[in-house]
Amino acid sequence: MGQITPALFQKIGNLEIAHVNIPVGLLIWVMIIPMLIRVDFGALHEVRQHLRGILVTLFVNWLVKPFSMALLGWIFVRHLFAPYLPADQLDSYIAGLILLAAAPCTAMVFVWSRLVNGDPLFTLSQVALNDTIMVFAFAPIVALLLGISAITVPWETLIISVALYILIPVMIAQFWRKKLLSKGAGALEAAMNKIGPWSISALLTTLILLFAFQGEAIVRQPLIIALLAIPITIQVFFNASLAYWLNRTVREKYNVACPSALIGASNFFELAVAAAISLFGFHSGAALATVVGVLIEVPLMLLVVNVLNRTQSWYSRKT
């Protein structure tokens, strides 16, 4: 579609603030607000019951994912795929992969959590905690793995993303929740049943837009995109599996283990794209590698969602 009507999708793609696309942001609101409406902040203290899930997610997100991606980049880009990639861009591709894995997703994990019936309060609390850590840990981790001393953190992108994907949707959802509850619990359930299908429609529209925005890159460099997609794919499934297995090992609840696995596997691609462009330039291999992450994140996470839903009986067996 991006090749059939390039002008239209270029205009839509240019509707952004600090590399955060506004139409996609609004679609994400449609996807995540139904889940956020179910969050009862009066029960926030209950999150302490899921300390094991929180610790597992933090371990995978901050101590495993960035370093496993650096290793995968070294294996695949530096060695296995080196003959098929531009030699002068190898380091840049690896840098892009590391940037992609250096911070966990902020927005779409609410969608994935809803698709596996994850605990909404745990999901929101974990995302808020990750965002707090990200402010302090993103630059040092990237600096360590890239060997660059002066890392420019795209603060504008980070702040706008947190406001757009967490603060504003939470306020809208909680205002809506209070309005519905004032009419009785039945009104809340009726509204949820009515707006639930909107999430799937918004998800499909988002997927179409993401592929349309990058149509030119797909057509121009299909082999490079396919090769870079391999380590990203392995990284997603490895980290999701690790978080899922660790949660089962420590006997965390299934509805916590699922969002934990999804958060552990996800990437904050808006931040990665912004950082890659600011550090290496718009046409760099690093920027292209982060774009590949944008392209395949949604299909990969939907596959992870499917696996999690199919393995509930296995997870529930006593270890």
Protein backbone atom coordinates (compact mmCIF):
# COMPACT_ATOMS: atom_id res chain seq x y z
CA MET A 1 0.00 0.00 0.00
CA GLY A 2 2.88 2.33 0.72
CA GLN A 3 4.08 1.85 -2.86
CA ILE A 4 0.61 2.24 -4.42
CA THR A 5 -0.22 5.52 -2.65
CA PRO A 6 3.14 6.76 -1.36
CA ALA A 7 2.11 10.42 -1.06
CA LEU A 8 -0.81 9.60 1.25
CA PHE A 9 1.21 7.43 3.60
CA GLN A 10 4.12 9.88 3.55
CA LYS A 11 1.77 12.60 4.79
CA ILE A 12 0.42 10.31 7.52
CA GLY A 13 3.95 9.24 8.44
CA ASN A 14 5.07 12.87 8.74
CA LEU A 15 2.39 13.62 11.34
CA GLU A 16 4.75 13.17 14.25
CA ILE A 17 6.28 14.95 17.23
CA ALA A 18 9.83 13.97 18.25
CA HIS A 19 9.64 10.79 16.12
CA VAL A 20 6.35 9.77 17.77
CA ASN A 21 3.69 9.28 15.09
CA ILE A 22 0.43 10.91 16.16
CA PRO A 23 -2.04 8.72 14.15
CA VAL A 24 -0.35 5.57 15.48
CA GLY A 25 -0.43 7.08 18.98
CA LEU A 26 -4.19 7.65 18.72
CA LEU A 27 -4.71 4.10 17.47
CA ILE A 28 -2.73 2.85 20.46
CA TRP A 29 -5.11 4.79 22.71
CA VAL A 30 -8.01 2.88 21.17
CA MET A 31 -6.15 -0.37 21.84
CA ILE A 32 -5.07 0.26 25.43
CA ILE A 33 -7.82 2.39 27.00
CA PRO A 34 -10.24 -0.59 27.32
CA MET A 35 -7.63 -2.40 29.42
CA LEU A 36 -6.78 0.68 31.48
CA ILE A 37 -10.47 1.15 32.32
CA ARG A 38 -10.28 -2.15 34.21
CA VAL A 39 -7.43 -0.89 36.40
CA ASP A 40 -8.60 -0.27 39.96
CA PHE A 41 -6.09 2.07 41.58
CA GLY A 42 -7.68 1.35 44.94
CA ALA A 43 -6.10 -2.10 44.69
CA LEU A 44 -2.64 -0.79 43.83
CA HIS A 45 -1.17 -2.16 47.07
CA GLU A 46 -1.97 -5.68 45.84
CA VAL A 47 0.85 -5.42 43.28
CA ARG A 48 3.22 -6.36 46.10
CA GLN A 49 1.79 -9.86 45.86
CA HIS A 50 3.46 -10.14 42.45
CA LEU A 51 6.97 -9.17 43.54
CA ARG A 52 8.37 -12.35 41.95
CA GLY A 53 6.90 -11.40 38.58
CA ILE A 54 8.26 -7.87 38.87
CA LEU A 55 11.76 -9.10 39.70
CA VAL A 56 11.73 -11.60 36.82
CA THR A 57 10.65 -8.90 34.37
CA LEU A 58 13.29 -6.46 35.60
CA PHE A 59 15.97 -9.14 35.33
CA VAL A 60 15.07 -10.02 31.74
CA ASN A 61 14.54 -6.41 30.60
CA TRP A 62 17.66 -4.85 32.04
CA LEU A 63 20.21 -7.61 32.69
CA VAL A 64 19.51 -10.04 29.84
CA LYS A 65 17.86 -8.42 26.82
CA PRO A 66 20.38 -5.68 25.88
CA PHE A 67 23.34 -8.03 26.35
CA SER A 68 21.74 -10.99 24.55
CA MET A 69 21.00 -8.71 21.59
CA ALA A 70 24.60 -7.50 21.55
CA LEU A 71 25.71 -11.14 21.42
CA LEU A 72 23.23 -12.01 18.67
CA GLY A 73 24.31 -8.96 16.67
CA TRP A 74 27.94 -10.02 16.95
CA ILE A 75 27.17 -13.61 15.89
CA PHE A 76 24.85 -12.87 13.00
CA VAL A 77 25.84 -9.43 11.67
CA ARG A 78 29.56 -9.50 12.38
CA HIS A 79 30.12 -13.13 11.33
CA LEU A 80 27.35 -15.23 9.76
CA PHE A 81 25.76 -12.53 7.58
CA ALA A 82 28.82 -10.31 7.03
CA PRO A 83 29.38 -11.47 3.40
CA TYR A 84 25.85 -10.36 2.47
CA LEU A 85 25.85 -6.96 4.19
CA PRO A 86 27.70 -3.70 3.35
CA ALA A 87 31.03 -3.95 5.18
CA ASP A 88 31.05 -0.27 6.17
CA GLN A 89 27.67 -0.61 7.91
CA LEU A 90 28.24 -3.72 10.06
CA ASP A 91 28.99 -1.79 13.26
CA SER A 92 26.08 0.52 12.57
CA TYR A 93 23.65 -2.40 12.15
CA ILE A 94 24.81 -3.90 15.46
CA ALA A 95 24.40 -0.52 17.15
CA GLY A 96 20.83 -0.29 15.86
CA LEU A 97 20.00 -3.74 17.20
CA ILE A 98 21.42 -2.82 20.61
CA LEU A 99 19.45 0.44 20.70
CA LEU A 100 16.32 -1.54 19.87
CA ALA A 101 16.80 -3.91 22.80
CA ALA A 102 18.07 -1.37 25.33
CA ALA A 103 14.62 -0.24 26.47
CA PRO A 104 11.33 -2.15 26.94
CA CYS A 105 8.11 -1.15 25.23
CA THR A 106 5.83 1.39 26.89
CA ALA A 107 2.59 1.30 24.91
CA MET A 108 1.86 -1.87 22.97
CA VAL A 109 2.43 -4.16 25.97
CA PHE A 110 -0.97 -3.05 27.25
CA VAL A 111 -2.47 -4.47 24.06
CA TRP A 112 -0.55 -7.75 24.33
CA SER A 113 -1.45 -8.08 28.01
CA ARG A 114 -5.12 -7.66 27.20
CA LEU A 115 -4.93 -10.38 24.52
CA VAL A 116 -3.66 -12.89 27.11
CA ASN A 117 -6.02 -11.69 29.87
CA GLY A 118 -3.04 -10.44 31.85
CA ASP A 119 -3.38 -8.69 35.20
CA PRO A 120 -3.92 -5.02 34.18
CA LEU A 121 -2.66 -3.62 37.48
CA PHE A 122 0.58 -5.61 37.26
CA THR A 123 1.05 -4.55 33.64
CA LEU A 124 0.58 -0.86 34.40
CA SER A 125 2.83 -1.00 37.49
CA GLN A 126 5.58 -2.84 35.62
CA VAL A 127 5.50 -0.41 32.70
CA ALA A 128 5.65 2.58 35.07
CA LEU A 129 8.61 1.01 36.91
CA ASN A 130 10.42 0.27 33.64
CA ASP A 131 9.92 3.84 32.45
CA THR A 132 11.42 5.17 35.68
CA ILE A 133 14.45 2.89 35.34
CA MET A 134 14.77 3.81 31.66
CA VAL A 135 15.43 7.45 32.51
CA PHE A 136 18.56 6.45 34.41
CA ALA A 137 19.67 3.19 32.75
CA PHE A 138 19.16 3.66 29.00
CA ALA A 139 22.19 5.87 28.34
CA PRO A 140 24.69 3.91 30.52
CA ILE A 141 23.66 0.55 29.01
CA VAL A 142 23.91 1.87 25.45
CA ALA A 143 27.23 3.57 26.23
CA LEU A 144 28.63 0.35 27.68
CA LEU A 145 27.57 -1.87 24.78
CA LEU A 146 28.42 0.57 21.98
CA GLY A 147 31.62 1.85 23.54
CA ILE A 148 30.47 5.43 23.08
CA SER A 149 31.06 7.80 25.97
CA ALA A 150 28.72 10.61 24.91
CA ILE A 151 25.26 9.14 24.40
CA THR A 152 22.55 11.60 23.44
CA VAL A 153 19.31 10.42 25.02
CA PRO A 154 16.32 11.66 22.97
CA TRP A 155 14.58 13.07 26.03
CA GLU A 156 11.85 14.74 24.01
CA THR A 157 10.84 11.41 22.46
CA LEU A 158 11.02 9.65 25.82
CA ILE A 159 8.92 12.26 27.64
CA ILE A 160 6.33 12.57 24.87
CA SER A 161 6.01 8.78 24.61
CA VAL A 162 5.44 8.40 28.36
CA ALA A 163 2.86 11.20 28.32
CA LEU A 164 1.14 9.96 25.16
CA TYR A 165 1.13 6.26 25.96
CA ILE A 166 0.73 6.23 29.75
CA LEU A 167 -0.28 9.48 31.46
CA ILE A 168 -2.99 10.70 29.08
CA PRO A 169 -4.59 7.27 28.41
CA VAL A 170 -4.62 6.49 32.15
CA MET A 171 -6.37 9.79 32.92
CA ILE A 172 -8.94 9.24 30.15
CA ALA A 173 -9.54 5.64 31.20
CA GLN A 174 -9.94 6.43 34.90
CA PHE A 175 -12.31 9.34 34.20
CA TRP A 176 -14.36 7.03 31.97
CA ARG A 177 -14.27 4.28 34.62
CA LYS A 178 -15.64 6.59 37.31
CA LYS A 179 -18.41 7.76 35.00
CA LEU A 180 -19.42 4.16 34.20
CA LEU A 181 -19.23 2.95 37.81
CA SER A 182 -21.46 5.82 38.88
CA LYS A 183 -24.14 4.11 36.79
CA GLY A 184 -23.44 0.69 38.33
CA ALA A 185 -21.13 -2.28 37.68
CA GLY A 186 -23.40 -3.46 34.88
CA ALA A 187 -22.75 -0.26 32.94
CA LEU A 188 -18.99 -0.88 33.13
CA GLU A 189 -19.28 -4.43 31.76
CA ALA A 190 -21.71 -3.34 29.04
CA ALA A 191 -19.32 -0.61 27.92
CA MET A 192 -16.36 -3.02 27.93
CA ASN A 193 -18.25 -5.50 25.75
CA LYS A 194 -19.09 -2.69 23.34
CA ILE A 195 -15.65 -1.12 22.99
CA GLY A 196 -13.66 -4.37 23.18
CA PRO A 197 -13.73 -5.05 19.40
CA TRP A 198 -12.30 -1.59 18.76
CA SER A 199 -8.92 -2.80 20.02
CA ILE A 200 -8.57 -5.47 17.34
CA SER A 201 -9.59 -3.06 14.56
CA ALA A 202 -7.07 -0.48 15.80
CA LEU A 203 -4.36 -3.16 16.01
CA LEU A 204 -4.92 -4.24 12.40
CA THR A 205 -4.92 -0.61 11.23
CA THR A 206 -1.67 0.03 13.10
CA LEU A 207 -0.06 -3.00 11.46
CA ILE A 208 -1.11 -1.78 8.00
CA LEU A 209 0.26 1.71 8.69
CA LEU A 210 3.62 0.46 9.98
CA PHE A 211 4.21 -1.64 6.87
CA ALA A 212 2.95 1.13 4.57
CA PHE A 213 5.27 3.71 6.18
CA GLN A 214 8.28 1.47 5.45
CA GLY A 215 7.18 0.25 2.02
CA GLU A 216 10.10 1.95 0.24
CA ALA A 217 12.68 0.38 2.57
CA ILE A 218 11.14 -3.07 2.12
CA VAL A 219 11.25 -2.83 -1.67
CA ARG A 220 14.71 -1.23 -1.82
CA GLN A 221 16.60 -3.46 0.64
CA PRO A 222 14.63 -6.70 1.14
CA LEU A 223 17.66 -8.93 1.78
CA ILE A 224 19.19 -6.65 4.42
CA ILE A 225 15.83 -6.32 6.17
CA ALA A 226 15.32 -10.10 6.14
CA LEU A 227 18.80 -10.73 7.56
CA LEU A 228 18.45 -8.11 10.31
CA ALA A 229 15.05 -9.55 11.23
CA ILE A 230 16.61 -12.89 12.21
CA PRO A 231 18.51 -11.80 15.36
CA ILE A 232 15.55 -9.62 16.39
CA THR A 233 13.20 -12.59 16.04
CA ILE A 234 15.48 -14.87 18.06
CA GLN A 235 15.84 -12.18 20.74
CA VAL A 236 12.07 -11.76 21.10
CA PHE A 237 11.35 -15.47 21.47
CA PHE A 238 14.36 -16.09 23.71
CA ASN A 239 13.48 -13.36 26.19
CA ALA A 240 9.77 -14.16 26.19
CA SER A 241 10.53 -17.84 26.84
CA LEU A 242 13.04 -17.01 29.57
CA ALA A 243 10.64 -14.71 31.43
CA TYR A 244 7.76 -17.19 31.06
CA TRP A 245 9.87 -20.10 32.34
CA LEU A 246 11.32 -18.10 35.24
CA ASN A 247 7.86 -17.01 36.35
CA ARG A 248 6.72 -20.62 36.29
CA THR A 249 9.81 -21.66 38.23
CA VAL A 250 9.11 -19.14 41.01
CA ARG A 251 5.39 -20.09 40.93
CA GLU A 252 4.05 -16.73 39.82
CA LYS A 253 0.43 -16.58 38.63
CA TYR A 254 -0.27 -17.24 34.94
CA ASN A 255 -2.00 -13.87 34.45
CA VAL A 256 1.19 -12.19 35.69
CA ALA A 257 3.64 -14.48 33.87
CA CYS A 258 2.08 -13.67 30.49
CA PRO A 259 2.46 -9.86 30.62
CA SER A 260 5.87 -10.39 32.24
CA ALA A 261 6.97 -12.45 29.23
CA LEU A 262 5.54 -9.93 26.79
CA ILE A 263 7.15 -6.95 28.52
CA GLY A 264 10.42 -8.88 28.70
CA ALA A 265 10.37 -9.51 24.95
CA SER A 266 9.17 -6.12 23.73
CA ASN A 267 11.19 -3.19 22.41
CA PHE A 268 10.61 0.56 22.71
CA PHE A 269 11.05 1.12 18.98
CA GLU A 270 10.09 4.81 18.97
CA LEU A 271 12.92 5.58 21.38
CA ALA A 272 15.30 3.31 19.45
CA VAL A 273 14.56 5.01 16.12
CA ALA A 274 15.01 8.47 17.63
CA ALA A 275 18.29 7.50 19.32
CA ALA A 276 19.64 5.85 16.15
CA ILE A 277 18.89 8.92 14.04
CA SER A 278 20.38 11.33 16.59
CA LEU A 279 23.55 9.25 17.05
CA PHE A 280 24.21 7.87 13.57
CA GLY A 281 22.02 9.78 11.10
CA PHE A 282 18.77 9.18 9.26
CA HIS A 283 20.30 7.04 6.48
CA SER A 284 22.57 4.97 8.72
CA GLY A 285 22.56 1.22 9.15
CA ALA A 286 21.56 1.78 12.79
CA ALA A 287 18.42 3.64 11.75
CA LEU A 288 17.54 0.88 9.28
CA ALA A 289 18.01 -1.81 11.95
CA THR A 290 15.59 -0.04 14.27
CA VAL A 291 13.10 0.29 11.40
CA VAL A 292 13.25 -3.49 10.94
CA GLY A 293 12.29 -3.74 14.60
CA VAL A 294 9.28 -1.53 13.91
CA LEU A 295 8.22 -3.75 11.00
CA ILE A 296 8.35 -7.09 12.75
CA GLU A 297 7.49 -6.21 16.36
CA VAL A 298 3.71 -6.53 15.99
CA PRO A 299 3.67 -9.85 14.06
CA LEU A 300 6.25 -11.36 16.43
CA MET A 301 4.41 -10.29 19.56
CA LEU A 302 1.15 -11.68 18.17
CA LEU A 303 2.94 -15.01 17.75
CA VAL A 304 4.15 -14.84 21.35
CA VAL A 305 0.58 -14.06 22.47
CA ASN A 306 -0.64 -17.13 20.59
CA VAL A 307 2.00 -19.36 22.23
CA LEU A 308 1.17 -18.05 25.70
CA ASN A 309 -2.54 -18.63 25.22
CA ARG A 310 -1.92 -22.17 23.98
CA THR A 311 0.38 -23.14 26.85
CA GLN A 312 -1.80 -22.19 29.80
CA SER A 313 -2.41 -25.84 30.72
CA TRP A 314 1.36 -26.52 30.67
CA TYR A 315 2.04 -23.48 32.84
CA SER A 316 -0.60 -24.49 35.36
CA ARG A 317 0.89 -27.95 35.93
CA LYS A 318 2.86 -28.26 39.15
CA THR A 319 6.61 -27.86 38.64
